[in-house]
Amino acid sequence: MVLNHTFPAMPQLLQLGVALLIAMAVCALLAMAVERFAYRRLRNAHGWLR
């Protein structure tokens, strides 16, 4: 892993936990951006389905 070269004393299980936390944060930010820029406009649009 990349963290193994950066922090060689850190156990691999802790590295996995840190990587998972970073991945979850990035995915949450991406989901918030998609919600803000795409789905909110679609939900507020007055279409023929209403």
PDB file of N, CA and C in Angstrom:
ATOM      1  N   MET A   1       0.837  -1.193   0.000  1.00  0.00           N
ATOM      2  CA  MET A   1       0.000   0.000   0.000  1.00  0.00           C
ATOM      3  C   MET A   1       0.877   1.250   0.000  1.00  0.00           C
ATOM      4  N   VAL A   2       0.312   2.325  -0.435  1.00  0.00           N
ATOM      5  CA  VAL A   2       1.039   3.591  -0.468  1.00  0.00           C
ATOM      6  C   VAL A   2       1.340   4.060   0.947  1.00  0.00           C
ATOM      7  N   LEU A   3       0.376   3.864   1.854  1.00  0.00           N
ATOM      8  CA  LEU A   3       0.601   4.295   3.232  1.00  0.00           C
ATOM      9  C   LEU A   3       1.718   3.506   3.898  1.00  0.00           C
ATOM     10  N   ASN A   4       1.981   2.293   3.442  1.00  0.00           N
ATOM     11  CA  ASN A   4       3.036   1.475   4.031  1.00  0.00           C
ATOM     12  C   ASN A   4       4.406   2.106   3.793  1.00  0.00           C
ATOM     13  N   HIS A   5       4.594   2.762   2.651  1.00  0.00           N
ATOM     14  CA  HIS A   5       5.855   3.437   2.373  1.00  0.00           C
ATOM     15  C   HIS A   5       5.925   4.773   3.095  1.00  0.00           C
ATOM     16  N   THR A   6       4.784   5.426   3.275  1.00  0.00           N
ATOM     17  CA  THR A   6       4.761   6.722   3.940  1.00  0.00           C
ATOM     18  C   THR A   6       4.869   6.571   5.449  1.00  0.00           C
ATOM     19  N   PHE A   7       4.114   5.634   6.015  1.00  0.00           N
ATOM     20  CA  PHE A   7       4.106   5.388   7.456  1.00  0.00           C
ATOM     21  C   PHE A   7       4.434   3.915   7.711  1.00  0.00           C
ATOM     22  N   PRO A   8       5.717   3.537   7.687  1.00  0.00           N
ATOM     23  CA  PRO A   8       6.057   2.115   7.796  1.00  0.00           C
ATOM     24  C   PRO A   8       5.724   1.501   9.152  1.00  0.00           C
ATOM     25  N   ALA A   9       5.622   2.288  10.212  1.00  0.00           N
ATOM     26  CA  ALA A   9       5.344   1.739  11.539  1.00  0.00           C
ATOM     27  C   ALA A   9       3.855   1.497  11.766  1.00  0.00           C
ATOM     28  N   MET A  10       3.001   2.006  10.884  1.00  0.00           N
ATOM     29  CA  MET A  10       1.553   1.859  11.052  1.00  0.00           C
ATOM     30  C   MET A  10       1.125   0.448  10.643  1.00  0.00           C
ATOM     31  N   PRO A  11       0.359  -0.236  11.498  1.00  0.00           N
ATOM     32  CA  PRO A  11      -0.109  -1.582  11.136  1.00  0.00           C
ATOM     33  C   PRO A  11      -1.005  -1.550   9.893  1.00  0.00           C
ATOM     34  N   GLN A  12      -1.000  -2.657   9.160  1.00  0.00           N
ATOM     35  CA  GLN A  12      -1.750  -2.699   7.903  1.00  0.00           C
ATOM     36  C   GLN A  12      -3.249  -2.586   8.123  1.00  0.00           C
ATOM     37  N   LEU A  13      -3.761  -3.116   9.227  1.00  0.00           N
ATOM     38  CA  LEU A  13      -5.190  -3.001   9.502  1.00  0.00           C
ATOM     39  C   LEU A  13      -5.579  -1.543   9.743  1.00  0.00           C
ATOM     40  N   LEU A  14      -4.715  -0.802  10.407  1.00  0.00           N
ATOM     41  CA  LEU A  14      -4.977   0.622  10.616  1.00  0.00           C
ATOM     42  C   LEU A  14      -4.898   1.382   9.294  1.00  0.00           C
ATOM     43  N   GLN A  15      -3.968   0.993   8.439  1.00  0.00           N
ATOM     44  CA  GLN A  15      -3.872   1.612   7.114  1.00  0.00           C
ATOM     45  C   GLN A  15      -5.144   1.377   6.317  1.00  0.00           C
ATOM     46  N   LEU A  16      -5.672   0.165   6.408  1.00  0.00           N
ATOM     47  CA  LEU A  16      -6.920  -0.150   5.717  1.00  0.00           C
ATOM     48  C   LEU A  16      -8.061   0.705   6.255  1.00  0.00           C
ATOM     49  N   GLY A  17      -8.126   0.881   7.561  1.00  0.00           N
ATOM     50  CA  GLY A  17      -9.165   1.719   8.161  1.00  0.00           C
ATOM     51  C   GLY A  17      -9.060   3.165   7.716  1.00  0.00           C
ATOM     52  N   VAL A  18      -7.848   3.686   7.677  1.00  0.00           N
ATOM     53  CA  VAL A  18      -7.640   5.067   7.226  1.00  0.00           C
ATOM     54  C   VAL A  18      -8.041   5.212   5.760  1.00  0.00           C
ATOM     55  N   ALA A  19      -7.659   4.241   4.937  1.00  0.00           N
ATOM     56  CA  ALA A  19      -8.020   4.289   3.518  1.00  0.00           C
ATOM     57  C   ALA A  19      -9.533   4.232   3.338  1.00  0.00           C
ATOM     58  N   LEU A  20     -10.212   3.403   4.133  1.00  0.00           N
ATOM     59  CA  LEU A  20     -11.672   3.323   4.042  1.00  0.00           C
ATOM     60  C   LEU A  20     -12.332   4.632   4.466  1.00  0.00           C
ATOM     61  N   LEU A  21     -11.832   5.244   5.524  1.00  0.00           N
ATOM     62  CA  LEU A  21     -12.397   6.524   5.959  1.00  0.00           C
ATOM     63  C   LEU A  21     -12.218   7.608   4.900  1.00  0.00           C
ATOM     64  N   ILE A  22     -11.054   7.652   4.282  1.00  0.00           N
ATOM     65  CA  ILE A  22     -10.810   8.637   3.223  1.00  0.00           C
ATOM     66  C   ILE A  22     -11.722   8.373   2.034  1.00  0.00           C
ATOM     67  N   ALA A  23     -11.887   7.103   1.656  1.00  0.00           N
ATOM     68  CA  ALA A  23     -12.758   6.759   0.529  1.00  0.00           C
ATOM     69  C   ALA A  23     -14.210   7.120   0.827  1.00  0.00           C
ATOM     70  N   MET A  24     -14.662   6.884   2.067  1.00  0.00           N
ATOM     71  CA  MET A  24     -16.040   7.233   2.426  1.00  0.00           C
ATOM     72  C   MET A  24     -16.258   8.738   2.373  1.00  0.00           C
ATOM     73  N   ALA A  25     -15.277   9.508   2.832  1.00  0.00           N
ATOM     74  CA  ALA A  25     -15.404  10.963   2.800  1.00  0.00           C
ATOM     75  C   ALA A  25     -15.456  11.479   1.364  1.00  0.00           C
ATOM     76  N   VAL A  26     -14.615  10.942   0.497  1.00  0.00           N
ATOM     77  CA  VAL A  26     -14.607  11.365  -0.908  1.00  0.00           C
ATOM     78  C   VAL A  26     -15.928  11.012  -1.580  1.00  0.00           C
ATOM     79  N   CYS A  27     -16.443   9.814  -1.317  1.00  0.00           N
ATOM     80  CA  CYS A  27     -17.717   9.400  -1.917  1.00  0.00           C
ATOM     81  C   CYS A  27     -18.870  10.253  -1.406  1.00  0.00           C
ATOM     82  N   ALA A  28     -18.849  10.611  -0.132  1.00  0.00           N
ATOM     83  CA  ALA A  28     -19.903  11.463   0.418  1.00  0.00           C
ATOM     84  C   ALA A  28     -19.868  12.847  -0.219  1.00  0.00           C
ATOM     85  N   LEU A  29     -18.684  13.404  -0.392  1.00  0.00           N
ATOM     86  CA  LEU A  29     -18.573  14.714  -1.041  1.00  0.00           C
ATOM     87  C   LEU A  29     -19.035  14.658  -2.491  1.00  0.00           C
ATOM     88  N   LEU A  30     -18.714  13.585  -3.184  1.00  0.00           N
ATOM     89  CA  LEU A  30     -19.161  13.425  -4.566  1.00  0.00           C
ATOM     90  C   LEU A  30     -20.677  13.310  -4.637  1.00  0.00           C
ATOM     91  N   ALA A  31     -21.273  12.562  -3.722  1.00  0.00           N
ATOM     92  CA  ALA A  31     -22.733  12.427  -3.701  1.00  0.00           C
ATOM     93  C   ALA A  31     -23.402  13.763  -3.402  1.00  0.00           C
ATOM     94  N   MET A  32     -22.824  14.547  -2.495  1.00  0.00           N
ATOM     95  CA  MET A  32     -23.390  15.861  -2.194  1.00  0.00           C
ATOM     96  C   MET A  32     -23.298  16.785  -3.404  1.00  0.00           C
ATOM     97  N   ALA A  33     -22.208  16.706  -4.143  1.00  0.00           N
ATOM     98  CA  ALA A  33     -22.056  17.543  -5.334  1.00  0.00           C
ATOM     99  C   ALA A  33     -23.058  17.150  -6.409  1.00  0.00           C
ATOM    100  N   VAL A  34     -23.257  15.858  -6.610  1.00  0.00           N
ATOM    101  CA  VAL A  34     -24.237  15.402  -7.602  1.00  0.00           C
ATOM    102  C   VAL A  34     -25.632  15.844  -7.194  1.00  0.00           C
ATOM    103  N   GLU A  35     -25.966  15.712  -5.925  1.00  0.00           N
ATOM    104  CA  GLU A  35     -27.279  16.144  -5.433  1.00  0.00           C
ATOM    105  C   GLU A  35     -27.474  17.639  -5.662  1.00  0.00           C
ATOM    106  N   ARG A  36     -26.440  18.409  -5.385  1.00  0.00           N
ATOM    107  CA  ARG A  36     -26.563  19.868  -5.492  1.00  0.00           C
ATOM    108  C   ARG A  36     -26.710  20.330  -6.940  1.00  0.00           C
ATOM    109  N   PHE A  37     -25.937  19.745  -7.841  1.00  0.00           N
ATOM    110  CA  PHE A  37     -25.895  20.260  -9.203  1.00  0.00           C
ATOM    111  C   PHE A  37     -26.829  19.549 -10.172  1.00  0.00           C
ATOM    112  N   ALA A  38     -27.295  18.361  -9.866  1.00  0.00           N
ATOM    113  CA  ALA A  38     -28.106  17.629 -10.843  1.00  0.00           C
ATOM    114  C   ALA A  38     -29.505  17.339 -10.320  1.00  0.00           C
ATOM    115  N   TYR A  39     -29.609  16.574  -9.278  1.00  0.00           N
ATOM    116  CA  TYR A  39     -30.914  16.067  -8.871  1.00  0.00           C
ATOM    117  C   TYR A  39     -31.828  17.133  -8.287  1.00  0.00           C
ATOM    118  N   ARG A  40     -31.296  18.119  -7.619  1.00  0.00           N
ATOM    119  CA  ARG A  40     -32.155  19.152  -7.049  1.00  0.00           C
ATOM    120  C   ARG A  40     -32.887  19.906  -8.149  1.00  0.00           C
ATOM    121  N   ARG A  41     -32.194  20.201  -9.230  1.00  0.00           N
ATOM    122  CA  ARG A  41     -32.838  20.909 -10.347  1.00  0.00           C
ATOM    123  C   ARG A  41     -33.898  20.039 -11.001  1.00  0.00           C
ATOM    124  N   LEU A  42     -33.623  18.754 -11.115  1.00  0.00           N
ATOM    125  CA  LEU A  42     -34.612  17.860 -11.711  1.00  0.00           C
ATOM    126  C   LEU A  42     -35.844  17.731 -10.829  1.00  0.00           C
ATOM    127  N   ARG A  43     -35.643  17.677  -9.517  1.00  0.00           N
ATOM    128  CA  ARG A  43     -36.767  17.531  -8.601  1.00  0.00           C
ATOM    129  C   ARG A  43     -37.639  18.782  -8.588  1.00  0.00           C
ATOM    130  N   ASN A  44     -37.038  19.938  -8.754  1.00  0.00           N
ATOM    131  CA  ASN A  44     -37.790  21.193  -8.725  1.00  0.00           C
ATOM    132  C   ASN A  44     -38.352  21.577 -10.090  1.00  0.00           C
ATOM    133  N   ALA A  45     -38.028  20.831 -11.122  1.00  0.00           N
ATOM    134  CA  ALA A  45     -38.513  21.152 -12.466  1.00  0.00           C
ATOM    135  C   ALA A  45     -40.001  20.815 -12.575  1.00  0.00           C
ATOM    136  N   HIS A  46     -40.709  21.627 -13.317  1.00  0.00           N
ATOM    137  CA  HIS A  46     -42.133  21.390 -13.546  1.00  0.00           C
ATOM    138  C   HIS A  46     -42.274  20.658 -14.875  1.00  0.00           C
ATOM    139  N   GLY A  47     -42.403  19.381 -14.789  1.00  0.00           N
ATOM    140  CA  GLY A  47     -42.476  18.560 -15.991  1.00  0.00           C
ATOM    141  C   GLY A  47     -43.889  18.084 -16.246  1.00  0.00           C
ATOM    142  N   TRP A  48     -44.016  17.236 -17.230  1.00  0.00           N
ATOM    143  CA  TRP A  48     -45.331  16.733 -17.613  1.00  0.00           C
ATOM    144  C   TRP A  48     -45.805  15.628 -16.686  1.00  0.00           C
ATOM    145  N   LEU A  49     -44.953  15.146 -15.794  1.00  0.00           N
ATOM    146  CA  LEU A  49     -45.359  14.084 -14.878  1.00  0.00           C
ATOM    147  C   LEU A  49     -46.158  14.605 -13.685  1.00  0.00           C
ATOM    148  N   ARG A  50     -46.150  15.901 -13.461  1.00  0.00           N
ATOM    149  CA  ARG A  50     -46.848  16.451 -12.288  1.00  0.00           C
ATOM    150  C   ARG A  50     -48.237  16.883 -12.628  1.00  0.00           C
TER     151      ARG A  50
END
